[in-house]
Amino acid sequence: MSDDPRHPLPPHLISRRAMLRGAGLLGLGVSASSLLAACGIAADGDEGDDEPSTGGTLTLGIDATSAVNDPAFYTSLGDWMAVDCICRGLTFISFETNEPQPDLAESWEISDDGLTYTFTLRRDITFHDGTEFTADDVLASLGRQFDPDDPTLPEGASRPLASLGANVVSLSAVDDHTVELVLERPDATVLNRLSDIGGRIISKAALDEYGVDIGRNLVGTGPFQFSSATAGQQVVLTAFEDFRLGRPLIDRLVLQQVQDPSTIVSSLLSGDLSATQFTPYSSIEQLRADDSVTFHETPFSFDAMMMIDARRIPELEVRQAINLAIDREAIIEQAFFGVAAAPDGYTIPPSQNGYDPSLADLSRFDPDEARQLLEAAGAVGREVALMAASDSWHPRAAQIVAQNLTDVGLTVISDSVDPATYFSRLLDPDDRYHELMIWERNSYIPDPDNMIGALALPSGVYGDFTSGFNTLDGAEEFADLLDQAKNLPDGDERTELYSDIQRRFAEEYMVLSMLAYSANPVSSGANVEGMNVDALANHRCFMENASV
């Protein structure tokens, strides 16, 4: 997908978390016994490495793999986690802080008008194929993100930096170690966005050699290099000796597809899995109580929400009543098993700059007011359709919402949808159940522009296909307001503008009802140390300091 949905997008460009469920088509998962046979986590002490701080295999449980690892082509979270390990970008956000740091660029300068970014590249960096990192690699890698006709793009390429590219006037090499990026309009999120998957730099030599098949032969400068991949099973990576920050501590990183919740739990307990961010919420207490497993407390960083299609529920009062009817505490306790929090900052979670708890009233529970609004609108007894994917927290949340709406006088028909087909239905406004849709938004870039900036954009996936927000009077103003907000520096003024945008979006339109904040639950074997768990909870994979 374009993870920054700035334009109406076809089905293959929906949210990364969304697409992972469709990736179940790529394989049926594995059993605990096949996990053990496939990879295990035993230290490879007999492979000739005498250093006590290195060695062994770390096995991460992932959602799926198509065996295609291309930063311009989304298939599953697991495949893009592999990209994170194989390639690095000009900038880097650790998720332990939200600030972009130098990575393959050692520094940058931004012109006073905010239009020209000049990146000074690090020297003496080599790719896994032995070629030297230069400006040509940056131009080739970002160029295929910006240009839909680039010959190295596979069919259906999602190009997550496409919307950034639409604002690029030129991308050029000043010399071998200097790159200049010129924008048409200022965009203060450039450094953040270059840290995401779409900003990963690939060896130009490899792109020239493999072209559209680069995803099966990915070559980067990251801490791990590609070894092998089998669709529906696993991706195997090995430590890169010449990684610029030093050789990773482990010898091998195996990204193992595991889709059955009970297998995830049993494999964590047996040690067949080293770690995963796909821990079933229902099993967290069990794992917390077991000394062989560590459950990692991470900041709540994703939005659990329900989109409301204004084309199907045109009365604002009815949409407001639906929002007021929802018992979020019940959802937190029964769907997330307590690993969640009330969405008191509306769409901006507490892990991000711009979080404002004064917005808590936008997600209040008031069934009496909901009934009054429905009565005034003449909507008591109306039938409303609700759909949710049948995995993770979604079914329990849907049951609670359905009961809440029934309690205030609506008649609810529900559809629990196979995850493989759910998101194509979200993009079809003619679908029978396209009225209330339970969904989520993850913080792939920890900035409000990646949350409310996507959710309230009239031309994006959320504002167009899903909610019909773009059909409502005044919606077009939000594109300019969001552009103003993202270009302000972090601080009170930016927070205030984002809060104003969120309050107006909720009070005047109510096409997005927040349910909770949560995190993708990270668990690991007690012997696993050094993982960046804050990043992993956001589906980012930085394992260079991990050990087993």
Protein backbone atom coordinates (compact mmCIF):
# COMPACT_ATOMS: atom_id res chain seq x y z
CA MET A 1 0.00 0.00 0.00
CA SER A 2 0.84 3.60 0.05
CA ASP A 3 1.06 3.73 3.82
CA ASP A 4 0.49 7.46 3.56
CA PRO A 5 -2.81 7.31 1.65
CA ARG A 6 -2.85 10.78 0.11
CA HIS A 7 -4.88 9.83 -2.97
CA PRO A 8 -7.72 7.46 -3.81
CA LEU A 9 -6.09 4.07 -4.03
CA PRO A 10 -6.91 0.69 -5.56
CA PRO A 11 -7.30 -2.37 -3.31
CA HIS A 12 -3.62 -3.27 -3.24
CA LEU A 13 -2.81 0.11 -1.73
CA ILE A 14 -4.72 -0.18 1.55
CA SER A 15 -3.19 -0.08 5.00
CA ARG A 16 -0.28 -2.31 5.77
CA ARG A 17 -1.98 -3.90 8.75
CA ALA A 18 -5.04 -4.43 6.60
CA MET A 19 -3.16 -6.15 3.84
CA LEU A 20 -1.50 -8.62 6.16
CA ARG A 21 -4.79 -10.41 6.57
CA GLY A 22 -5.17 -10.92 2.86
CA ALA A 23 -1.67 -12.32 2.90
CA GLY A 24 -3.12 -15.42 4.55
CA LEU A 25 -3.81 -16.48 0.97
CA LEU A 26 -0.09 -17.00 0.57
CA GLY A 27 0.14 -19.95 2.95
CA LEU A 28 -1.68 -21.87 5.61
CA GLY A 29 0.75 -21.29 8.46
CA VAL A 30 2.73 -23.98 10.22
CA SER A 31 2.37 -26.24 13.21
CA ALA A 32 4.59 -26.16 16.26
CA SER A 33 6.34 -29.33 15.12
CA SER A 34 7.16 -27.92 11.68
CA LEU A 35 8.40 -24.73 13.35
CA LEU A 36 10.93 -26.74 15.32
CA ALA A 37 12.04 -28.62 12.25
CA ALA A 38 12.23 -25.46 10.17
CA CYS A 39 14.38 -23.26 12.31
CA GLY A 40 14.54 -23.54 16.11
CA ILE A 41 16.51 -21.10 18.25
CA ALA A 42 19.38 -23.16 19.55
CA ALA A 43 22.75 -21.40 19.52
CA ASP A 44 24.93 -22.55 16.66
CA GLY A 45 27.97 -22.96 18.86
CA ASP A 46 29.61 -25.42 16.51
CA GLU A 47 29.81 -23.05 13.56
CA GLY A 48 33.22 -21.65 14.39
CA ASP A 49 32.33 -18.41 16.17
CA ASP A 50 34.22 -18.23 19.46
CA GLU A 51 32.88 -14.82 20.47
CA PRO A 52 30.49 -15.35 23.41
CA SER A 53 28.45 -12.27 22.52
CA THR A 54 27.49 -13.58 19.08
CA GLY A 55 25.91 -16.65 17.64
CA GLY A 56 22.66 -18.54 17.41
CA THR A 57 19.40 -18.10 15.57
CA LEU A 58 16.59 -15.79 16.54
CA THR A 59 13.20 -16.87 15.17
CA LEU A 60 10.49 -14.23 14.83
CA GLY A 61 6.87 -15.24 14.33
CA ILE A 62 5.35 -13.25 11.45
CA ASP A 63 1.94 -12.99 9.85
CA ALA A 64 2.84 -14.26 6.39
CA THR A 65 5.48 -14.28 3.67
CA SER A 66 5.20 -14.34 -0.10
CA ALA A 67 9.00 -14.65 -0.40
CA VAL A 68 9.00 -11.21 -2.07
CA ASN A 69 10.88 -8.55 -0.07
CA ASP A 70 10.61 -5.30 -1.99
CA PRO A 71 10.25 -1.84 -0.38
CA ALA A 72 8.04 -0.80 -3.31
CA PHE A 73 5.73 -3.83 -3.20
CA TYR A 74 3.64 -4.73 -0.16
CA THR A 75 2.61 -8.34 0.41
CA SER A 76 2.74 -8.91 4.18
CA LEU A 77 4.12 -7.39 7.35
CA GLY A 78 6.62 -10.23 7.54
CA ASP A 79 8.05 -9.46 4.13
CA TRP A 80 8.47 -5.80 4.96
CA MET A 81 10.04 -6.73 8.29
CA ALA A 82 12.63 -8.55 6.18
CA VAL A 83 13.15 -5.37 4.15
CA ASP A 84 13.74 -3.50 7.43
CA CYS A 85 16.55 -5.92 8.28
CA ILE A 86 18.16 -6.08 4.83
CA CYS A 87 18.09 -2.38 3.93
CA ARG A 88 18.56 0.94 5.68
CA GLY A 89 17.52 4.44 4.64
CA LEU A 90 18.90 7.94 4.70
CA THR A 91 17.18 8.53 8.04
CA PHE A 92 16.18 6.28 10.93
CA ILE A 93 13.53 6.45 13.66
CA SER A 94 14.10 4.00 16.48
CA PHE A 95 10.62 4.30 18.08
CA GLU A 96 12.46 4.57 21.39
CA THR A 97 12.36 8.24 20.40
CA ASN A 98 10.22 9.77 17.65
CA GLU A 99 12.97 11.92 16.15
CA PRO A 100 14.58 11.06 12.79
CA GLN A 101 18.30 10.40 13.12
CA PRO A 102 21.06 10.19 10.47
CA ASP A 103 21.53 6.74 8.99
CA LEU A 104 23.01 6.34 5.49
CA ALA A 105 22.96 10.12 5.33
CA GLU A 106 25.41 11.46 7.89
CA SER A 107 23.79 14.90 7.78
CA TRP A 108 21.40 17.12 5.86
CA GLU A 109 20.62 20.75 5.25
CA ILE A 110 17.17 22.21 4.60
CA SER A 111 16.81 25.49 2.73
CA ASP A 112 15.11 28.41 4.43
CA ASP A 113 12.02 28.01 2.23
CA GLY A 114 11.74 24.32 3.18
CA LEU A 115 11.90 23.21 -0.44
CA THR A 116 15.43 21.86 -0.86
CA TYR A 117 16.94 19.00 1.16
CA THR A 118 20.64 18.37 0.67
CA PHE A 119 21.84 15.04 2.06
CA THR A 120 25.51 14.31 2.71
CA LEU A 121 25.99 10.54 2.43
CA ARG A 122 28.27 8.39 4.56
CA ARG A 123 31.43 7.12 2.92
CA ASP A 124 32.92 3.65 3.15
CA ILE A 125 29.53 1.94 3.32
CA THR A 126 29.24 -1.29 1.34
CA PHE A 127 26.24 -3.27 0.19
CA HIS A 128 25.87 -6.98 0.78
CA ASP A 129 27.04 -7.55 -2.82
CA GLY A 130 30.30 -5.70 -2.12
CA THR A 131 29.47 -2.58 -4.12
CA GLU A 132 30.05 0.87 -2.64
CA PHE A 133 27.11 2.96 -1.46
CA THR A 134 26.86 6.21 -3.49
CA ALA A 135 24.33 8.78 -4.60
CA ASP A 136 23.44 6.60 -7.60
CA ASP A 137 21.93 4.02 -5.25
CA VAL A 138 19.78 6.69 -3.61
CA LEU A 139 18.53 7.96 -6.97
CA ALA A 140 17.71 4.46 -8.17
CA SER A 141 15.95 3.45 -4.94
CA LEU A 142 13.89 6.60 -4.40
CA GLY A 143 13.33 7.04 -8.13
CA ARG A 144 11.36 3.80 -8.34
CA GLN A 145 9.21 4.99 -5.43
CA PHE A 146 8.48 8.30 -7.15
CA ASP A 147 8.08 7.09 -10.77
CA PRO A 148 5.18 4.71 -11.51
CA ASP A 149 6.81 3.81 -14.84
CA ASP A 150 10.18 2.77 -13.39
CA PRO A 151 11.16 -0.46 -15.19
CA THR A 152 12.23 -2.18 -11.95
CA LEU A 153 8.74 -2.01 -10.44
CA PRO A 154 6.79 -5.28 -10.32
CA GLU A 155 3.16 -5.31 -11.43
CA GLY A 156 0.94 -3.98 -8.64
CA ALA A 157 3.77 -2.08 -6.93
CA SER A 158 2.40 -0.13 -3.98
CA ARG A 159 5.18 2.52 -3.79
CA PRO A 160 4.65 3.84 -0.23
CA LEU A 161 6.49 7.08 -1.11
CA ALA A 162 4.32 7.78 -4.15
CA SER A 163 2.58 10.75 -2.52
CA LEU A 164 5.93 12.23 -1.51
CA GLY A 165 7.10 11.74 -5.08
CA ALA A 166 4.11 13.69 -6.35
CA ASN A 167 5.57 16.71 -4.53
CA VAL A 168 9.13 16.21 -5.80
CA VAL A 169 10.37 18.61 -8.47
CA SER A 170 13.78 16.96 -8.80
CA LEU A 171 16.05 14.33 -7.25
CA SER A 172 19.68 14.63 -8.29
CA ALA A 173 23.24 13.73 -7.39
CA VAL A 174 25.44 16.75 -6.70
CA ASP A 175 28.38 14.35 -6.48
CA ASP A 176 28.97 10.73 -5.44
CA HIS A 177 28.17 11.49 -1.82
CA THR A 178 25.64 14.33 -2.02
CA VAL A 179 21.97 14.11 -3.00
CA GLU A 180 19.60 17.03 -3.53
CA LEU A 181 15.82 16.66 -3.20
CA VAL A 182 13.71 19.64 -4.33
CA LEU A 183 10.02 19.88 -3.45
CA GLU A 184 7.19 21.82 -5.04
CA ARG A 185 5.63 22.59 -1.64
CA PRO A 186 7.18 22.47 1.83
CA ASP A 187 6.72 19.16 3.67
CA ALA A 188 8.17 18.96 7.16
CA THR A 189 7.54 15.19 7.29
CA VAL A 190 10.17 14.32 4.64
CA LEU A 191 12.81 13.13 7.11
CA ASN A 192 10.22 11.01 8.94
CA ARG A 193 8.94 9.44 5.74
CA LEU A 194 12.41 8.59 4.48
CA SER A 195 12.82 6.44 7.59
CA ASP A 196 9.91 4.22 6.58
CA ILE A 197 10.04 1.10 4.42
CA GLY A 198 9.64 3.06 1.20
CA GLY A 199 12.82 5.01 1.94
CA ARG A 200 15.04 1.91 2.13
CA ILE A 201 18.06 2.06 -0.17
CA ILE A 202 18.80 -0.85 -2.54
CA SER A 203 22.03 -1.60 -4.40
CA LYS A 204 21.70 -0.07 -7.88
CA ALA A 205 23.86 -2.88 -9.20
CA ALA A 206 21.33 -5.38 -7.88
CA LEU A 207 18.42 -3.37 -9.30
CA ASP A 208 20.14 -3.32 -12.69
CA GLU A 209 20.72 -7.07 -12.53
CA TYR A 210 17.37 -8.27 -11.16
CA GLY A 211 14.92 -5.55 -12.17
CA VAL A 212 11.33 -6.46 -11.25
CA ASP A 213 12.63 -9.53 -9.41
CA ILE A 214 14.62 -7.49 -6.88
CA GLY A 215 12.18 -8.60 -4.18
CA ARG A 216 13.50 -12.14 -4.49
CA ASN A 217 17.10 -10.95 -4.50
CA LEU A 218 17.13 -7.90 -2.25
CA VAL A 219 20.53 -6.33 -1.56
CA GLY A 220 20.96 -3.55 1.00
CA THR A 221 23.41 -2.25 3.59
CA GLY A 222 21.46 -3.42 6.65
CA PRO A 223 22.53 -5.66 9.52
CA PHE A 224 21.26 -8.85 7.86
CA GLN A 225 21.61 -10.13 4.34
CA PHE A 226 19.19 -12.26 2.39
CA SER A 227 19.81 -16.01 2.44
CA SER A 228 16.61 -17.75 1.35
CA ALA A 229 12.82 -17.47 1.35
CA THR A 230 9.95 -19.91 0.90
CA ALA A 231 6.46 -18.53 0.31
CA GLY A 232 4.05 -19.44 3.07
CA GLN A 233 6.88 -20.57 5.35
CA GLN A 234 9.87 -18.40 6.17
CA VAL A 235 12.54 -15.86 5.25
CA VAL A 236 16.09 -16.66 6.39
CA LEU A 237 18.64 -13.87 6.88
CA THR A 238 22.26 -14.03 7.99
CA ALA A 239 24.41 -11.52 9.86
CA PHE A 240 26.25 -9.01 7.66
CA GLU A 241 29.86 -8.82 8.81
CA ASP A 242 30.40 -5.30 7.45
CA PHE A 243 27.27 -3.59 8.83
CA ARG A 244 28.30 -0.01 9.56
CA LEU A 245 27.35 -0.23 13.26
CA GLY A 246 29.07 -3.57 13.77
CA ARG A 247 28.17 -7.18 13.12
CA PRO A 248 24.83 -8.26 14.64
CA LEU A 249 25.11 -10.44 17.73
CA ILE A 250 23.14 -13.33 16.25
CA ASP A 251 24.20 -15.40 13.25
CA ARG A 252 20.78 -15.95 11.73
CA LEU A 253 17.39 -14.27 11.81
CA VAL A 254 14.48 -16.44 10.70
CA LEU A 255 11.11 -14.81 10.00
CA GLN A 256 8.70 -17.72 10.40
CA GLN A 257 5.09 -17.62 9.27
CA VAL A 258 2.77 -18.66 12.11
CA GLN A 259 -0.92 -17.81 11.82
CA ASP A 260 -2.69 -20.04 14.34
CA PRO A 261 -3.01 -18.34 17.76
CA SER A 262 -2.59 -21.57 19.74
CA THR A 263 0.55 -22.42 17.77
CA ILE A 264 1.99 -18.97 18.52
CA VAL A 265 1.49 -19.51 22.24
CA SER A 266 2.75 -23.10 22.36
CA SER A 267 5.79 -22.18 20.26
CA LEU A 268 6.70 -19.30 22.56
CA LEU A 269 6.41 -21.61 25.58
CA SER A 270 8.45 -24.39 23.96
CA GLY A 271 11.12 -22.02 22.65
CA ASP A 272 10.44 -22.78 18.98
CA LEU A 273 9.65 -19.08 18.57
CA SER A 274 12.08 -16.54 19.98
CA ALA A 275 9.68 -13.61 19.72
CA THR A 276 6.62 -12.20 17.98
CA GLN A 277 4.42 -9.10 17.98
CA PHE A 278 1.41 -11.24 17.09
CA THR A 279 0.80 -12.53 20.60
CA PRO A 280 -2.92 -13.32 21.05
CA TYR A 281 -4.43 -10.83 23.50
CA SER A 282 -6.32 -13.66 25.17
CA SER A 283 -3.04 -15.39 26.08
CA ILE A 284 -1.11 -12.46 27.52
CA GLU A 285 -1.89 -13.24 31.16
CA GLN A 286 -0.87 -16.86 30.64
CA LEU A 287 2.45 -15.79 29.14
CA ARG A 288 3.05 -13.15 31.80
CA ALA A 289 2.81 -15.88 34.43
CA ASP A 290 5.35 -18.16 32.74
CA ASP A 291 9.01 -17.60 33.62
CA SER A 292 10.16 -18.92 30.24
CA VAL A 293 8.50 -16.03 28.40
CA THR A 294 8.77 -12.25 28.70
CA PHE A 295 5.79 -10.10 27.77
CA HIS A 296 7.04 -6.62 26.88
CA GLU A 297 5.07 -3.58 27.94
CA THR A 298 5.22 -1.11 25.04
CA PRO A 299 3.55 2.27 24.48
CA PHE A 300 0.03 2.16 23.09
CA SER A 301 0.56 3.24 19.52
CA PHE A 302 -2.29 2.06 17.31
CA ASP A 303 -5.86 3.25 16.93
CA ALA A 304 -8.67 0.73 17.25
CA MET A 305 -11.62 2.40 15.57
CA MET A 306 -14.91 2.06 13.74
CA MET A 307 -15.44 3.86 10.47
CA ILE A 308 -18.98 5.10 9.72
CA ASP A 309 -20.03 5.48 6.08
CA ALA A 310 -21.77 8.85 5.83
CA ARG A 311 -23.23 7.89 2.46
CA ARG A 312 -25.19 5.09 4.14
CA ILE A 313 -25.88 6.85 7.46
CA PRO A 314 -26.35 10.45 6.26
CA GLU A 315 -27.73 12.02 9.48
CA LEU A 316 -25.00 13.46 11.69
CA GLU A 317 -27.22 12.94 14.76
CA VAL A 318 -27.39 9.20 14.09
CA ARG A 319 -23.65 8.95 13.62
CA GLN A 320 -23.15 10.89 16.86
CA ALA A 321 -25.57 8.56 18.65
CA ILE A 322 -23.64 5.53 17.46
CA ASN A 323 -20.42 7.02 18.82
CA LEU A 324 -22.01 7.84 22.19
CA ALA A 325 -23.46 4.32 22.54
CA ILE A 326 -20.11 2.51 22.59
CA ASP A 327 -18.85 1.14 25.90
CA ARG A 328 -15.11 1.45 25.41
CA GLU A 329 -14.22 0.10 28.83
CA ALA A 330 -15.97 -3.14 27.92
CA ILE A 331 -13.98 -3.30 24.68
CA ILE A 332 -10.72 -2.71 26.54
CA GLU A 333 -11.44 -5.46 29.05
CA GLN A 334 -13.11 -8.05 26.85
CA ALA A 335 -11.53 -7.57 23.40
CA PHE A 336 -8.04 -6.46 24.46
CA PHE A 337 -7.98 -8.26 27.82
CA GLY A 338 -6.89 -5.04 29.49
CA VAL A 339 -3.95 -4.34 27.16
CA ALA A 340 -5.42 -1.10 25.85
CA ALA A 341 -6.49 2.35 26.99
CA ALA A 342 -9.36 4.76 26.47
CA PRO A 343 -8.79 6.95 23.39
CA ASP A 344 -8.76 10.24 25.26
CA GLY A 345 -6.63 11.98 22.62
CA TYR A 346 -8.96 10.83 19.82
CA THR A 347 -6.78 9.53 16.93
CA ILE A 348 -3.36 10.67 18.21
CA PRO A 349 -2.12 8.08 20.74
CA PRO A 350 -0.08 8.95 23.85
CA SER A 351 3.12 7.66 22.23
CA GLN A 352 3.13 10.58 19.78
CA ASN A 353 3.79 14.29 19.94
CA GLY A 354 0.45 16.04 19.59
CA TYR A 355 -1.44 13.79 22.01
CA ASP A 356 -4.07 15.88 23.77
CA PRO A 357 -6.18 14.26 26.54
CA SER A 358 -8.56 17.22 26.55
CA LEU A 359 -10.25 15.47 23.61
CA ALA A 360 -11.53 12.66 25.85
CA ASP A 361 -15.14 13.87 25.53
CA LEU A 362 -15.10 12.93 21.85
CA SER A 363 -15.12 9.27 22.90
CA ARG A 364 -17.39 9.41 25.92
CA PHE A 365 -19.96 6.73 26.76
CA ASP A 366 -23.44 8.25 27.12
CA PRO A 367 -26.21 5.84 26.09
CA ASP A 368 -28.95 8.18 27.39
CA GLU A 369 -27.85 10.98 25.05
CA ALA A 370 -27.51 8.42 22.25
CA ARG A 371 -31.17 7.39 22.71
CA GLN A 372 -32.29 11.02 22.71
CA LEU A 373 -30.45 11.71 19.45
CA LEU A 374 -31.94 8.64 17.80
CA GLU A 375 -35.44 9.62 18.92
CA ALA A 376 -34.99 13.17 17.62
CA ALA A 377 -33.78 11.81 14.27
CA GLY A 378 -36.66 9.32 14.06
CA ALA A 379 -34.10 6.52 13.83
CA VAL A 380 -35.20 4.27 16.71
CA GLY A 381 -35.54 0.73 15.37
CA ARG A 382 -33.50 1.45 12.25
CA GLU A 383 -31.40 -1.43 10.93
CA VAL A 384 -27.67 -0.79 10.72
CA ALA A 385 -25.02 -3.11 9.29
CA LEU A 386 -21.75 -3.84 11.07
CA MET A 387 -18.76 -5.80 9.81
CA ALA A 388 -15.41 -6.79 11.24
CA ALA A 389 -12.62 -9.18 10.40
CA SER A 390 -12.81 -12.50 12.22
CA ASP A 391 -9.31 -12.39 13.73
CA SER A 392 -7.52 -10.88 16.75
CA TRP A 393 -9.53 -8.38 18.83
CA HIS A 394 -12.05 -7.57 16.12
CA PRO A 395 -14.80 -10.21 16.73
CA ARG A 396 -15.15 -9.45 20.44
CA ALA A 397 -15.20 -5.71 19.79
CA ALA A 398 -17.89 -6.20 17.14
CA GLN A 399 -20.05 -8.19 19.57
CA ILE A 400 -19.81 -5.45 22.19
CA VAL A 401 -20.60 -2.70 19.68
CA ALA A 402 -23.58 -4.65 18.35
CA GLN A 403 -24.98 -5.06 21.86
CA ASN A 404 -24.36 -1.39 22.68
CA LEU A 405 -26.25 -0.24 19.59
CA THR A 406 -29.10 -2.65 20.28
CA ASP A 407 -29.36 -1.25 23.81
CA VAL A 408 -29.95 2.28 22.52
CA GLY A 409 -32.63 1.26 20.05
CA LEU A 410 -30.97 0.26 16.79
CA THR A 411 -31.35 -3.10 15.07
CA VAL A 412 -27.93 -4.48 14.17
CA ILE A 413 -27.08 -7.02 11.51
CA SER A 414 -23.47 -8.20 11.68
CA ASP A 415 -21.03 -9.96 9.41
CA SER A 416 -17.81 -11.57 10.66
CA VAL A 417 -15.57 -11.62 7.62
CA ASP A 418 -12.66 -13.82 6.62
CA PRO A 419 -9.57 -11.62 6.94
CA ALA A 420 -8.50 -12.57 3.42
CA THR A 421 -11.54 -10.84 1.92
CA TYR A 422 -12.35 -8.18 4.51
CA PHE A 423 -10.38 -5.28 3.13
CA SER A 424 -11.55 -5.54 -0.44
CA ARG A 425 -15.03 -5.19 1.04
CA LEU A 426 -14.01 -2.10 3.00
CA LEU A 427 -13.22 -0.42 -0.30
CA ASP A 428 -16.61 -1.26 -1.81
CA PRO A 429 -19.25 1.30 -0.76
CA ASP A 430 -21.92 -0.88 -2.37
CA ASP A 431 -21.23 -3.77 0.01
CA ARG A 432 -24.32 -4.73 2.01
CA TYR A 433 -22.46 -4.23 5.31
CA HIS A 434 -20.58 -1.06 4.37
CA GLU A 435 -22.08 1.07 7.16
CA LEU A 436 -20.08 0.41 10.34
CA MET A 437 -16.61 -1.08 9.87
CA ILE A 438 -14.20 -2.01 12.63
CA TRP A 439 -10.60 -1.31 11.64
CA GLU A 440 -7.28 -0.06 12.97
CA ARG A 441 -4.43 2.30 12.15
CA ASN A 442 -0.83 1.57 13.14
CA SER A 443 1.96 4.10 13.77
CA TYR A 444 4.45 3.10 11.10
CA ILE A 445 5.86 6.61 11.36
CA PRO A 446 5.35 8.02 14.89
CA ASP A 447 3.85 11.37 13.91
CA PRO A 448 0.28 12.78 13.90
CA ASP A 449 0.50 13.20 10.13
CA ASN A 450 0.55 9.41 9.92
CA MET A 451 -2.59 9.18 12.06
CA ILE A 452 -5.13 12.02 11.82
CA GLY A 453 -3.22 13.21 8.73
CA ALA A 454 -4.28 10.02 6.96
CA LEU A 455 -7.63 9.45 8.66
CA ALA A 456 -9.11 12.92 7.98
CA LEU A 457 -7.69 13.40 4.49
CA PRO A 458 -10.68 13.62 2.14
CA SER A 459 -8.85 12.00 -0.78
CA GLY A 460 -7.32 9.14 1.20
CA VAL A 461 -8.47 5.57 1.71
CA TYR A 462 -10.25 6.48 4.93
CA GLY A 463 -11.83 9.72 3.78
CA ASP A 464 -12.95 8.45 0.40
CA PHE A 465 -13.57 4.72 -0.02
CA THR A 466 -14.35 3.84 3.56
CA SER A 467 -16.28 6.71 5.16
CA GLY A 468 -17.43 8.92 2.30
CA PHE A 469 -16.11 11.89 4.30
CA ASN A 470 -15.15 13.55 1.02
CA THR A 471 -18.86 13.80 0.08
CA LEU A 472 -19.71 16.02 3.05
CA ASP A 473 -19.84 19.82 2.94
CA GLY A 474 -16.59 21.44 4.07
CA ALA A 475 -14.53 18.24 3.96
CA GLU A 476 -12.23 19.66 1.27
CA GLU A 477 -10.89 22.22 3.77
CA PHE A 478 -9.21 19.48 5.79
CA ALA A 479 -6.52 18.84 3.17
CA ASP A 480 -5.20 22.38 3.64
CA LEU A 481 -5.57 22.27 7.43
CA LEU A 482 -3.64 19.01 7.64
CA ASP A 483 -0.95 20.42 5.37
CA GLN A 484 -0.59 23.43 7.66
CA ALA A 485 -0.37 21.25 10.76
CA LYS A 486 2.26 18.86 9.47
CA ASN A 487 4.53 21.76 8.52
CA LEU A 488 4.56 23.28 11.99
CA PRO A 489 7.40 22.34 14.34
CA ASP A 490 6.54 20.05 17.24
CA GLY A 491 5.20 22.10 20.10
CA ASP A 492 2.09 23.76 21.46
CA GLU A 493 1.04 25.45 18.22
CA ARG A 494 1.16 22.18 16.25
CA THR A 495 -0.66 20.27 18.98
CA GLU A 496 -3.34 22.96 19.19
CA LEU A 497 -3.96 22.88 15.43
CA TYR A 498 -4.14 19.09 15.36
CA SER A 499 -6.53 19.19 18.31
CA ASP A 500 -8.73 21.73 16.54
CA ILE A 501 -8.76 19.55 13.42
CA GLN A 502 -9.65 16.46 15.42
CA ARG A 503 -12.43 18.16 17.36
CA ARG A 504 -14.01 19.58 14.23
CA PHE A 505 -13.63 16.24 12.40
CA ALA A 506 -15.41 14.43 15.23
CA GLU A 507 -18.08 16.95 16.21
CA GLU A 508 -19.09 18.14 12.74
CA TYR A 509 -18.75 14.87 10.82
CA MET A 510 -18.33 11.79 13.11
CA VAL A 511 -17.26 9.31 10.46
CA LEU A 512 -14.65 7.79 12.77
CA SER A 513 -15.53 6.48 16.22
CA MET A 514 -12.47 5.68 18.29
CA LEU A 515 -12.65 2.46 20.33
CA ALA A 516 -9.29 2.23 22.11
CA TYR A 517 -5.53 2.64 21.93
CA SER A 518 -3.46 -0.51 22.04
CA ALA A 519 -0.15 -2.00 20.96
CA ASN A 520 0.75 -5.06 18.95
CA PRO A 521 1.67 -7.42 21.82
CA VAL A 522 5.36 -8.35 21.84
CA SER A 523 6.44 -11.52 23.63
CA SER A 524 9.80 -13.26 23.62
CA GLY A 525 11.66 -16.10 25.22
CA ALA A 526 13.22 -15.12 28.54
CA ASN A 527 16.65 -15.75 26.99
CA VAL A 528 16.14 -13.12 24.29
CA GLU A 529 17.77 -9.77 25.01
CA GLY A 530 18.48 -6.53 23.18
CA MET A 531 15.44 -6.43 20.88
CA ASN A 532 14.01 -3.05 20.01
CA VAL A 533 10.55 -3.96 21.31
CA ASP A 534 9.07 -0.49 20.82
CA ALA A 535 9.80 -0.75 17.10
CA LEU A 536 8.57 -4.34 16.89
CA ALA A 537 5.28 -3.31 18.50
CA ASN A 538 4.85 -1.07 15.44
CA HIS A 539 5.80 -3.85 12.99
CA ARG A 540 9.29 -2.43 12.48
CA CYS A 541 12.17 -4.89 12.78
CA PHE A 542 15.51 -3.70 14.21
CA MET A 543 17.30 -6.81 15.49
CA GLU A 544 20.98 -5.89 15.20
CA ASN A 545 21.43 -5.74 18.98
CA ALA A 546 19.32 -8.80 19.81
CA SER A 547 20.84 -11.94 21.28
CA VAL A 548 19.64 -15.39 22.28
